[in-house]
Amino acid sequence: MVLELLGNAGIKFAAQLVGIGNIILLLGLLYFYIKSYREIKIGFTLGLILFVLLLMLQSVFSLISPIPGNNLSINTHEFIGSVIEFIALTILLIITWKY
């Protein structure tokens, strides 16, 4: 498997890169939601802003507090979770951008 070839340090580094990508995507979403809230002040948009802020808090926290230990399965799990979150946020950003 590709993740095993990267090794423990490689997986941690890749997870950090994806985490930074998540924060960038969240900043893009936050920009669009705040812009939308200024035009149409509804609770749904305010909820989206809160959602993005909480996801950003989670992403920042995961970057500054790495999982202790050198277990390859823990790092692989963290990496896969970050990749899934990155894909989901990319889709959400594209949909938000279009509409």
C-alpha atoms as a PDB file:
ATOM      1  CA  MET A   1       0.000   0.000   0.000  1.00  0.00           C
ATOM      2  CA  VAL A   2       1.185   3.522  -0.772  1.00  0.00           C
ATOM      3  CA  LEU A   3       0.785   4.718   2.816  1.00  0.00           C
ATOM      4  CA  GLU A   4       3.075   1.978   4.088  1.00  0.00           C
ATOM      5  CA  LEU A   5       5.744   3.076   1.593  1.00  0.00           C
ATOM      6  CA  LEU A   6       5.625   6.621   2.960  1.00  0.00           C
ATOM      7  CA  GLY A   7       6.457   5.426   6.445  1.00  0.00           C
ATOM      8  CA  ASN A   8       5.425   6.977   9.714  1.00  0.00           C
ATOM      9  CA  ALA A   9       7.051  10.377   9.140  1.00  0.00           C
ATOM     10  CA  GLY A  10       5.700  10.582   5.591  1.00  0.00           C
ATOM     11  CA  ILE A  11       2.160   9.888   6.704  1.00  0.00           C
ATOM     12  CA  LYS A  12       2.383  12.526   9.431  1.00  0.00           C
ATOM     13  CA  PHE A  13       3.697  15.058   6.906  1.00  0.00           C
ATOM     14  CA  ALA A  14       0.983  14.182   4.352  1.00  0.00           C
ATOM     15  CA  ALA A  15      -1.688  14.494   7.064  1.00  0.00           C
ATOM     16  CA  GLN A  16      -0.343  17.950   7.954  1.00  0.00           C
ATOM     17  CA  LEU A  17      -0.456  19.043   4.307  1.00  0.00           C
ATOM     18  CA  VAL A  18      -4.042  17.857   3.957  1.00  0.00           C
ATOM     19  CA  GLY A  19      -4.898  19.599   7.234  1.00  0.00           C
ATOM     20  CA  ILE A  20      -3.511  22.873   5.871  1.00  0.00           C
ATOM     21  CA  GLY A  21      -5.547  22.306   2.686  1.00  0.00           C
ATOM     22  CA  ASN A  22      -8.659  21.828   4.830  1.00  0.00           C
ATOM     23  CA  ILE A  23      -8.064  25.148   6.567  1.00  0.00           C
ATOM     24  CA  ILE A  24      -7.658  26.906   3.203  1.00  0.00           C
ATOM     25  CA  LEU A  25     -10.929  25.405   1.942  1.00  0.00           C
ATOM     26  CA  LEU A  26     -12.678  26.388   5.172  1.00  0.00           C
ATOM     27  CA  LEU A  27     -11.446  29.962   4.788  1.00  0.00           C
ATOM     28  CA  GLY A  28     -12.962  29.998   1.289  1.00  0.00           C
ATOM     29  CA  LEU A  29     -16.275  28.726   2.618  1.00  0.00           C
ATOM     30  CA  LEU A  30     -16.224  31.241   5.456  1.00  0.00           C
ATOM     31  CA  TYR A  31     -15.686  34.065   2.958  1.00  0.00           C
ATOM     32  CA  PHE A  32     -18.711  33.023   0.873  1.00  0.00           C
ATOM     33  CA  TYR A  33     -20.953  32.467   3.896  1.00  0.00           C
ATOM     34  CA  ILE A  34     -20.111  35.823   5.469  1.00  0.00           C
ATOM     35  CA  LYS A  35     -20.655  37.534   2.103  1.00  0.00           C
ATOM     36  CA  SER A  36     -24.014  35.788   1.774  1.00  0.00           C
ATOM     37  CA  TYR A  37     -24.999  36.627   5.361  1.00  0.00           C
ATOM     38  CA  ARG A  38     -24.330  40.329   4.735  1.00  0.00           C
ATOM     39  CA  GLU A  39     -26.753  40.235   1.797  1.00  0.00           C
ATOM     40  CA  ILE A  40     -29.432  37.969   3.283  1.00  0.00           C
ATOM     41  CA  LYS A  41     -29.468  37.827   7.064  1.00  0.00           C
ATOM     42  CA  ILE A  42     -31.037  34.447   7.735  1.00  0.00           C
ATOM     43  CA  GLY A  43     -30.333  31.881  10.402  1.00  0.00           C
ATOM     44  CA  PHE A  44     -29.330  29.194   7.899  1.00  0.00           C
ATOM     45  CA  THR A  45     -26.352  31.212   6.734  1.00  0.00           C
ATOM     46  CA  LEU A  46     -25.395  32.034  10.304  1.00  0.00           C
ATOM     47  CA  GLY A  47     -25.519  28.296  11.040  1.00  0.00           C
ATOM     48  CA  LEU A  48     -23.222  27.632   8.095  1.00  0.00           C
ATOM     49  CA  ILE A  49     -20.773  30.210   9.436  1.00  0.00           C
ATOM     50  CA  LEU A  50     -20.795  28.514  12.834  1.00  0.00           C
ATOM     51  CA  PHE A  51     -20.351  25.104  11.169  1.00  0.00           C
ATOM     52  CA  VAL A  52     -17.305  26.314   9.251  1.00  0.00           C
ATOM     53  CA  LEU A  53     -15.806  27.933  12.343  1.00  0.00           C
ATOM     54  CA  LEU A  54     -16.151  24.692  14.309  1.00  0.00           C
ATOM     55  CA  LEU A  55     -14.602  22.659  11.496  1.00  0.00           C
ATOM     56  CA  MET A  56     -11.772  25.173  11.297  1.00  0.00           C
ATOM     57  CA  LEU A  57     -11.223  24.889  15.041  1.00  0.00           C
ATOM     58  CA  GLN A  58     -11.024  21.103  14.681  1.00  0.00           C
ATOM     59  CA  SER A  59      -8.572  21.373  11.798  1.00  0.00           C
ATOM     60  CA  VAL A  60      -6.328  23.835  13.618  1.00  0.00           C
ATOM     61  CA  PHE A  61      -6.439  21.726  16.781  1.00  0.00           C
ATOM     62  CA  SER A  62      -5.468  18.602  14.864  1.00  0.00           C
ATOM     63  CA  LEU A  63      -2.470  20.425  13.381  1.00  0.00           C
ATOM     64  CA  ILE A  64      -1.138  21.765  16.671  1.00  0.00           C
ATOM     65  CA  SER A  65      -1.756  18.653  18.769  1.00  0.00           C
ATOM     66  CA  PRO A  66      -0.485  15.571  16.934  1.00  0.00           C
ATOM     67  CA  ILE A  67      -1.514  12.092  18.047  1.00  0.00           C
ATOM     68  CA  PRO A  68       1.134  10.736  20.427  1.00  0.00           C
ATOM     69  CA  GLY A  69       2.952   7.561  19.558  1.00  0.00           C
ATOM     70  CA  ASN A  70       4.366   6.090  16.415  1.00  0.00           C
ATOM     71  CA  ASN A  71       1.675   3.581  15.580  1.00  0.00           C
ATOM     72  CA  LEU A  72       1.367   3.351  11.793  1.00  0.00           C
ATOM     73  CA  SER A  73      -2.329   2.443  11.970  1.00  0.00           C
ATOM     74  CA  ILE A  74      -3.138   5.574  14.013  1.00  0.00           C
ATOM     75  CA  ASN A  75      -1.331   7.807  11.520  1.00  0.00           C
ATOM     76  CA  THR A  76      -2.942   6.041   8.583  1.00  0.00           C
ATOM     77  CA  HIS A  77      -6.357   6.535  10.185  1.00  0.00           C
ATOM     78  CA  GLU A  78      -5.619  10.224  10.740  1.00  0.00           C
ATOM     79  CA  PHE A  79      -4.447  10.627   7.146  1.00  0.00           C
ATOM     80  CA  ILE A  80      -7.461   8.901   5.614  1.00  0.00           C
ATOM     81  CA  GLY A  81      -9.801  10.962   7.805  1.00  0.00           C
ATOM     82  CA  SER A  82      -8.124  14.151   6.655  1.00  0.00           C
ATOM     83  CA  VAL A  83      -8.352  13.125   2.999  1.00  0.00           C
ATOM     84  CA  ILE A  84     -12.065  12.345   3.306  1.00  0.00           C
ATOM     85  CA  GLU A  85     -12.655  15.682   5.020  1.00  0.00           C
ATOM     86  CA  PHE A  86     -10.654  17.417   2.280  1.00  0.00           C
ATOM     87  CA  ILE A  87     -12.770  15.848  -0.484  1.00  0.00           C
ATOM     88  CA  ALA A  88     -16.016  16.694   1.316  1.00  0.00           C
ATOM     89  CA  LEU A  89     -14.950  20.293   1.851  1.00  0.00           C
ATOM     90  CA  THR A  90     -13.892  20.603  -1.785  1.00  0.00           C
ATOM     91  CA  ILE A  91     -17.333  19.454  -2.924  1.00  0.00           C
ATOM     92  CA  LEU A  92     -19.032  21.816  -0.481  1.00  0.00           C
ATOM     93  CA  LEU A  93     -16.891  24.729  -1.676  1.00  0.00           C
ATOM     94  CA  ILE A  94     -17.664  24.020  -5.351  1.00  0.00           C
ATOM     95  CA  ILE A  95     -21.397  23.818  -4.692  1.00  0.00           C
ATOM     96  CA  THR A  96     -21.288  27.000  -2.628  1.00  0.00           C
ATOM     97  CA  TRP A  97     -19.314  28.790  -5.336  1.00  0.00           C
ATOM     98  CA  LYS A  98     -21.832  27.835  -8.047  1.00  0.00           C
ATOM     99  CA  TYR A  99     -24.943  28.764  -6.102  1.00  0.00           C
END
